[in-house]
Amino acid sequence: MSSVSYQKLFPKYFKQVIKLANEVHGDGYLNDKSMADWAARGISYNINCGYIALLDDNSTTTTTTNDKKLIGFRITFAAEHWQADKWCCPDLWQIAKDKCCYFKCNTVDEKYRGLGIGKKLLQLSIAAAKQQGAQAGVAHLWKQSPNNSAVAYFTHCGGKLIKSHPDKWYEESKQGYHCILCGNDCHCEAAEMIIYFD
């Protein structure tokens, strides 16, 4: 396999990130407006905790960034740039909300899963979030992922289950998000999880 490199998430990669996100998670998951918003939420104290994974592969004719194919990304919100909503249980976190970043999205191209790319993206985001002052990170993991792999991966990386939330993405599915399993009537369940940083 060609080598994988990791870089900060910057605007020149947005179109490739949107394309991969919508292929993996369903049409309408990301668009130009939400992409710019999500990326901006990851920056605090001039530290960016969003990352991408690039594959050196000059032979490919698919989406490329110069001569590198974008095969994964991690979007993380800085602790002060997100609001806990009804799908969050901050009184169960054991850490103040203003010390918790939010792991918004981790996506790896299906052809390159199982190679440690998602784990590496998470580790890079955690290191940056710690520099921003975060002591933990919260996420909502998609329980209907194949073989519940999203929860398994996050657990393997140190994630602890807080609570399960049915219908987490239902409202989004009524506003243009097309779930790859449920279409525009999403009833997928989310596992609210937390990773405590050392």
C-alpha atoms as a PDB file:
ATOM      1  CA  MET A   1       0.000   0.000   0.000  1.00  0.00           C
ATOM      2  CA  SER A   2       1.078   3.556  -0.640  1.00  0.00           C
ATOM      3  CA  SER A   3       2.042   5.677   2.361  1.00  0.00           C
ATOM      4  CA  VAL A   4      -0.518   7.678   4.357  1.00  0.00           C
ATOM      5  CA  SER A   5       0.215  11.200   5.557  1.00  0.00           C
ATOM      6  CA  TYR A   6      -1.773  13.351   7.976  1.00  0.00           C
ATOM      7  CA  GLN A   7      -2.373  17.081   7.753  1.00  0.00           C
ATOM      8  CA  LYS A   8      -4.468  19.740   9.434  1.00  0.00           C
ATOM      9  CA  LEU A   9      -7.929  20.306   7.978  1.00  0.00           C
ATOM     10  CA  PHE A  10      -7.834  23.490   5.902  1.00  0.00           C
ATOM     11  CA  PRO A  11     -10.282  25.012   3.344  1.00  0.00           C
ATOM     12  CA  LYS A  12      -8.416  23.638   0.324  1.00  0.00           C
ATOM     13  CA  TYR A  13      -9.559  20.158   1.423  1.00  0.00           C
ATOM     14  CA  PHE A  14     -13.215  21.019   2.080  1.00  0.00           C
ATOM     15  CA  LYS A  15     -14.646  19.796  -1.230  1.00  0.00           C
ATOM     16  CA  GLN A  16     -12.916  16.415  -0.885  1.00  0.00           C
ATOM     17  CA  VAL A  17     -14.100  16.085   2.718  1.00  0.00           C
ATOM     18  CA  ILE A  18     -17.708  16.881   1.726  1.00  0.00           C
ATOM     19  CA  LYS A  19     -17.582  14.305  -1.072  1.00  0.00           C
ATOM     20  CA  LEU A  20     -16.242  11.540   1.174  1.00  0.00           C
ATOM     21  CA  ALA A  21     -18.628  12.431   4.022  1.00  0.00           C
ATOM     22  CA  ASN A  22     -21.694  12.231   1.783  1.00  0.00           C
ATOM     23  CA  GLU A  23     -20.518   8.975   0.201  1.00  0.00           C
ATOM     24  CA  VAL A  24     -20.028   7.338   3.610  1.00  0.00           C
ATOM     25  CA  HIS A  25     -22.775   8.880   5.755  1.00  0.00           C
ATOM     26  CA  GLY A  26     -25.434   9.736   3.181  1.00  0.00           C
ATOM     27  CA  ASP A  27     -26.377  12.643   0.922  1.00  0.00           C
ATOM     28  CA  GLY A  28     -26.821  15.933   2.723  1.00  0.00           C
ATOM     29  CA  TYR A  29     -24.569  15.010   5.630  1.00  0.00           C
ATOM     30  CA  LEU A  30     -22.202  17.879   4.782  1.00  0.00           C
ATOM     31  CA  ASN A  31     -22.439  20.878   2.462  1.00  0.00           C
ATOM     32  CA  ASP A  32     -20.330  23.997   1.871  1.00  0.00           C
ATOM     33  CA  LYS A  33     -21.979  25.950   4.701  1.00  0.00           C
ATOM     34  CA  SER A  34     -21.838  23.219   7.339  1.00  0.00           C
ATOM     35  CA  MET A  35     -18.299  22.272   6.310  1.00  0.00           C
ATOM     36  CA  ALA A  36     -17.017  25.804   6.885  1.00  0.00           C
ATOM     37  CA  ASP A  37     -18.864  26.019  10.211  1.00  0.00           C
ATOM     38  CA  TRP A  38     -17.639  22.648  11.488  1.00  0.00           C
ATOM     39  CA  ALA A  39     -14.031  23.371  10.535  1.00  0.00           C
ATOM     40  CA  ALA A  40     -14.100  26.784  12.250  1.00  0.00           C
ATOM     41  CA  ARG A  41     -15.411  25.199  15.459  1.00  0.00           C
ATOM     42  CA  GLY A  42     -12.244  23.136  15.678  1.00  0.00           C
ATOM     43  CA  ILE A  43      -9.934  26.143  15.995  1.00  0.00           C
ATOM     44  CA  SER A  44      -9.121  27.705  19.366  1.00  0.00           C
ATOM     45  CA  TYR A  45      -6.037  29.623  20.521  1.00  0.00           C
ATOM     46  CA  ASN A  46      -4.835  29.318  16.897  1.00  0.00           C
ATOM     47  CA  ILE A  47      -4.753  25.524  17.336  1.00  0.00           C
ATOM     48  CA  ASN A  48      -6.696  23.441  14.813  1.00  0.00           C
ATOM     49  CA  CYS A  49      -7.867  20.002  15.964  1.00  0.00           C
ATOM     50  CA  GLY A  50      -9.296  18.929  12.601  1.00  0.00           C
ATOM     51  CA  TYR A  51      -7.215  16.480  10.527  1.00  0.00           C
ATOM     52  CA  ILE A  52      -7.228  14.674   7.200  1.00  0.00           C
ATOM     53  CA  ALA A  53      -5.525  11.515   5.944  1.00  0.00           C
ATOM     54  CA  LEU A  54      -3.977  11.521   2.474  1.00  0.00           C
ATOM     55  CA  LEU A  55      -2.801   8.576   0.419  1.00  0.00           C
ATOM     56  CA  ASP A  56       0.218   8.967  -1.840  1.00  0.00           C
ATOM     57  CA  ASP A  57      -1.085   7.336  -4.994  1.00  0.00           C
ATOM     58  CA  ASN A  58      -0.062   8.862  -8.314  1.00  0.00           C
ATOM     59  CA  SER A  59      -1.877   6.158 -10.269  1.00  0.00           C
ATOM     60  CA  THR A  60      -5.374   7.091  -9.083  1.00  0.00           C
ATOM     61  CA  THR A  61      -7.774   9.155 -11.177  1.00  0.00           C
ATOM     62  CA  THR A  62     -10.229   9.673  -8.300  1.00  0.00           C
ATOM     63  CA  THR A  63     -10.470  12.673  -5.981  1.00  0.00           C
ATOM     64  CA  THR A  64      -6.998  13.981  -5.317  1.00  0.00           C
ATOM     65  CA  THR A  65      -5.283  16.748  -3.420  1.00  0.00           C
ATOM     66  CA  ASN A  66      -2.371  17.472  -5.737  1.00  0.00           C
ATOM     67  CA  ASP A  67      -1.020  13.917  -6.118  1.00  0.00           C
ATOM     68  CA  LYS A  68      -2.594  12.605  -2.897  1.00  0.00           C
ATOM     69  CA  LYS A  69      -6.024  11.049  -2.466  1.00  0.00           C
ATOM     70  CA  LEU A  70      -8.071  12.114   0.568  1.00  0.00           C
ATOM     71  CA  ILE A  71      -9.067   8.878   2.338  1.00  0.00           C
ATOM     72  CA  GLY A  72     -10.153  10.079   5.773  1.00  0.00           C
ATOM     73  CA  PHE A  73     -10.852  13.005   8.053  1.00  0.00           C
ATOM     74  CA  ARG A  74     -11.576  13.865  11.660  1.00  0.00           C
ATOM     75  CA  ILE A  75     -13.632  16.922  12.650  1.00  0.00           C
ATOM     76  CA  THR A  76     -13.449  17.902  16.313  1.00  0.00           C
ATOM     77  CA  PHE A  77     -15.050  20.950  17.945  1.00  0.00           C
ATOM     78  CA  ALA A  78     -13.026  22.879  20.535  1.00  0.00           C
ATOM     79  CA  ALA A  79     -14.532  22.813  24.025  1.00  0.00           C
ATOM     80  CA  GLU A  80     -15.895  26.366  23.829  1.00  0.00           C
ATOM     81  CA  HIS A  81     -17.306  26.013  20.294  1.00  0.00           C
ATOM     82  CA  TRP A  82     -20.216  23.633  20.813  1.00  0.00           C
ATOM     83  CA  GLN A  83     -23.371  23.410  22.907  1.00  0.00           C
ATOM     84  CA  ALA A  84     -24.564  20.360  24.825  1.00  0.00           C
ATOM     85  CA  ASP A  85     -28.089  19.519  23.624  1.00  0.00           C
ATOM     86  CA  LYS A  86     -30.816  17.049  24.627  1.00  0.00           C
ATOM     87  CA  TRP A  87     -28.661  14.187  23.334  1.00  0.00           C
ATOM     88  CA  CYS A  88     -25.944  14.984  25.892  1.00  0.00           C
ATOM     89  CA  CYS A  89     -25.748  14.082  29.591  1.00  0.00           C
ATOM     90  CA  PRO A  90     -23.055  16.415  30.989  1.00  0.00           C
ATOM     91  CA  ASP A  91     -23.935  15.560  34.596  1.00  0.00           C
ATOM     92  CA  LEU A  92     -22.676  12.026  33.863  1.00  0.00           C
ATOM     93  CA  TRP A  93     -19.363  13.090  32.289  1.00  0.00           C
ATOM     94  CA  GLN A  94     -17.485  13.796  35.571  1.00  0.00           C
ATOM     95  CA  ILE A  95     -15.737  16.701  33.787  1.00  0.00           C
ATOM     96  CA  ALA A  96     -17.057  20.223  33.247  1.00  0.00           C
ATOM     97  CA  LYS A  97     -18.532  20.838  29.795  1.00  0.00           C
ATOM     98  CA  ASP A  98     -16.086  23.688  29.143  1.00  0.00           C
ATOM     99  CA  LYS A  99     -13.251  21.165  29.446  1.00  0.00           C
ATOM    100  CA  CYS A 100     -14.772  18.731  26.916  1.00  0.00           C
ATOM    101  CA  CYS A 101     -14.212  18.942  23.183  1.00  0.00           C
ATOM    102  CA  TYR A 102     -16.720  17.288  20.840  1.00  0.00           C
ATOM    103  CA  PHE A 103     -15.679  14.611  18.373  1.00  0.00           C
ATOM    104  CA  LYS A 104     -18.099  15.538  15.600  1.00  0.00           C
ATOM    105  CA  CYS A 105     -17.113  13.181  12.809  1.00  0.00           C
ATOM    106  CA  ASN A 106     -14.513  10.568  11.957  1.00  0.00           C
ATOM    107  CA  THR A 107     -14.683   9.137   8.447  1.00  0.00           C
ATOM    108  CA  VAL A 108     -12.436   6.746   6.549  1.00  0.00           C
ATOM    109  CA  ASP A 109     -12.923   5.582   2.971  1.00  0.00           C
ATOM    110  CA  GLU A 110     -14.307   2.026   3.063  1.00  0.00           C
ATOM    111  CA  LYS A 111     -11.366   0.662   1.044  1.00  0.00           C
ATOM    112  CA  TYR A 112      -8.872   1.827   3.676  1.00  0.00           C
ATOM    113  CA  ARG A 113     -10.564   0.804   6.924  1.00  0.00           C
ATOM    114  CA  GLY A 114      -8.891  -1.501   9.404  1.00  0.00           C
ATOM    115  CA  LEU A 115      -5.452   0.046   8.831  1.00  0.00           C
ATOM    116  CA  GLY A 116      -5.396   2.294  11.912  1.00  0.00           C
ATOM    117  CA  ILE A 117      -6.218   5.484  10.015  1.00  0.00           C
ATOM    118  CA  GLY A 118      -9.255   6.381  12.138  1.00  0.00           C
ATOM    119  CA  LYS A 119      -7.307   5.759  15.327  1.00  0.00           C
ATOM    120  CA  LYS A 120      -4.423   7.954  14.165  1.00  0.00           C
ATOM    121  CA  LEU A 121      -6.799  10.781  13.215  1.00  0.00           C
ATOM    122  CA  LEU A 122      -8.369  10.558  16.669  1.00  0.00           C
ATOM    123  CA  GLN A 123      -4.984  10.611  18.399  1.00  0.00           C
ATOM    124  CA  LEU A 124      -3.944  13.722  16.470  1.00  0.00           C
ATOM    125  CA  SER A 125      -7.199  15.480  17.342  1.00  0.00           C
ATOM    126  CA  ILE A 126      -6.843  14.576  21.017  1.00  0.00           C
ATOM    127  CA  ALA A 127      -3.294  15.977  21.117  1.00  0.00           C
ATOM    128  CA  ALA A 128      -4.503  19.264  19.594  1.00  0.00           C
ATOM    129  CA  ALA A 129      -7.579  19.442  21.863  1.00  0.00           C
ATOM    130  CA  LYS A 130      -5.350  18.957  24.907  1.00  0.00           C
ATOM    131  CA  GLN A 131      -3.230  21.900  23.732  1.00  0.00           C
ATOM    132  CA  GLN A 132      -6.474  23.912  23.623  1.00  0.00           C
ATOM    133  CA  GLY A 133      -7.124  22.978  27.265  1.00  0.00           C
ATOM    134  CA  ALA A 134      -9.605  20.106  26.917  1.00  0.00           C
ATOM    135  CA  GLN A 135      -9.493  17.279  29.451  1.00  0.00           C
ATOM    136  CA  ALA A 136     -11.925  14.938  27.707  1.00  0.00           C
ATOM    137  CA  GLY A 137     -13.863  14.508  24.477  1.00  0.00           C
ATOM    138  CA  VAL A 138     -17.488  13.536  23.926  1.00  0.00           C
ATOM    139  CA  ALA A 139     -18.951  11.861  20.829  1.00  0.00           C
ATOM    140  CA  HIS A 140     -22.122  10.268  19.512  1.00  0.00           C
ATOM    141  CA  LEU A 141     -21.277   6.988  17.781  1.00  0.00           C
ATOM    142  CA  TRP A 142     -23.505   5.432  15.131  1.00  0.00           C
ATOM    143  CA  LYS A 143     -24.684   2.106  16.591  1.00  0.00           C
ATOM    144  CA  GLN A 144     -26.039   0.916  13.228  1.00  0.00           C
ATOM    145  CA  SER A 145     -22.609   1.038  11.597  1.00  0.00           C
ATOM    146  CA  PRO A 146     -21.628  -2.382  10.152  1.00  0.00           C
ATOM    147  CA  ASN A 147     -21.142  -4.770  13.096  1.00  0.00           C
ATOM    148  CA  ASN A 148     -21.412  -1.709  15.386  1.00  0.00           C
ATOM    149  CA  SER A 149     -17.825  -0.957  14.306  1.00  0.00           C
ATOM    150  CA  ALA A 150     -18.016   2.747  15.227  1.00  0.00           C
ATOM    151  CA  VAL A 151     -18.685   1.975  18.899  1.00  0.00           C
ATOM    152  CA  ALA A 152     -16.124  -0.851  18.888  1.00  0.00           C
ATOM    153  CA  TYR A 153     -13.432   1.432  17.431  1.00  0.00           C
ATOM    154  CA  PHE A 154     -14.145   4.240  19.901  1.00  0.00           C
ATOM    155  CA  THR A 155     -14.200   1.806  22.829  1.00  0.00           C
ATOM    156  CA  HIS A 156     -10.841   0.389  21.690  1.00  0.00           C
ATOM    157  CA  CYS A 157      -9.479   3.962  21.738  1.00  0.00           C
ATOM    158  CA  GLY A 158     -10.541   4.432  25.369  1.00  0.00           C
ATOM    159  CA  GLY A 159     -14.145   5.580  24.969  1.00  0.00           C
ATOM    160  CA  LYS A 160     -16.624   4.948  27.808  1.00  0.00           C
ATOM    161  CA  LEU A 161     -20.363   4.608  27.200  1.00  0.00           C
ATOM    162  CA  ILE A 162     -22.472   7.320  28.834  1.00  0.00           C
ATOM    163  CA  LYS A 163     -25.932   6.634  27.395  1.00  0.00           C
ATOM    164  CA  SER A 164     -27.693   5.393  24.241  1.00  0.00           C
ATOM    165  CA  HIS A 165     -29.984   7.785  22.358  1.00  0.00           C
ATOM    166  CA  PRO A 166     -32.586   6.445  19.867  1.00  0.00           C
ATOM    167  CA  ASP A 167     -33.529   8.688  16.925  1.00  0.00           C
ATOM    168  CA  LYS A 168     -30.510  10.970  17.350  1.00  0.00           C
ATOM    169  CA  TRP A 169     -30.453  11.937  13.662  1.00  0.00           C
ATOM    170  CA  TYR A 170     -34.214  11.940  13.019  1.00  0.00           C
ATOM    171  CA  GLU A 171     -34.572  15.740  12.795  1.00  0.00           C
ATOM    172  CA  GLU A 172     -31.629  16.009  10.381  1.00  0.00           C
ATOM    173  CA  SER A 173     -33.233  13.338   8.187  1.00  0.00           C
ATOM    174  CA  LYS A 174     -36.369  15.494   7.939  1.00  0.00           C
ATOM    175  CA  GLN A 175     -34.247  18.491   6.905  1.00  0.00           C
ATOM    176  CA  GLY A 176     -32.349  17.011   3.955  1.00  0.00           C
ATOM    177  CA  TYR A 177     -29.995  14.400   5.437  1.00  0.00           C
ATOM    178  CA  HIS A 178     -30.443  11.060   3.660  1.00  0.00           C
ATOM    179  CA  CYS A 179     -29.349   8.249   6.007  1.00  0.00           C
ATOM    180  CA  ILE A 180     -27.733   5.392   4.080  1.00  0.00           C
ATOM    181  CA  LEU A 181     -29.881   2.923   6.059  1.00  0.00           C
ATOM    182  CA  CYS A 182     -33.155   4.761   6.738  1.00  0.00           C
ATOM    183  CA  GLY A 183     -33.373   7.367   3.989  1.00  0.00           C
ATOM    184  CA  ASN A 184     -35.213  10.520   5.078  1.00  0.00           C
ATOM    185  CA  ASP A 185     -36.796   8.856   8.132  1.00  0.00           C
ATOM    186  CA  CYS A 186     -33.746   8.036  10.247  1.00  0.00           C
ATOM    187  CA  HIS A 187     -34.246   6.094  13.472  1.00  0.00           C
ATOM    188  CA  CYS A 188     -30.617   5.116  14.013  1.00  0.00           C
ATOM    189  CA  GLU A 189     -29.352   5.028  17.588  1.00  0.00           C
ATOM    190  CA  ALA A 190     -26.386   6.973  18.952  1.00  0.00           C
ATOM    191  CA  ALA A 191     -24.070   5.897  21.739  1.00  0.00           C
ATOM    192  CA  GLU A 192     -22.996   8.943  23.726  1.00  0.00           C
ATOM    193  CA  MET A 193     -19.404   8.211  24.726  1.00  0.00           C
ATOM    194  CA  ILE A 194     -16.496  10.017  26.386  1.00  0.00           C
ATOM    195  CA  ILE A 195     -12.719   9.676  26.302  1.00  0.00           C
ATOM    196  CA  TYR A 196     -10.824  11.053  29.290  1.00  0.00           C
ATOM    197  CA  PHE A 197      -7.418  12.505  28.389  1.00  0.00           C
ATOM    198  CA  ASP A 198      -4.327  11.720  30.439  1.00  0.00           C
END
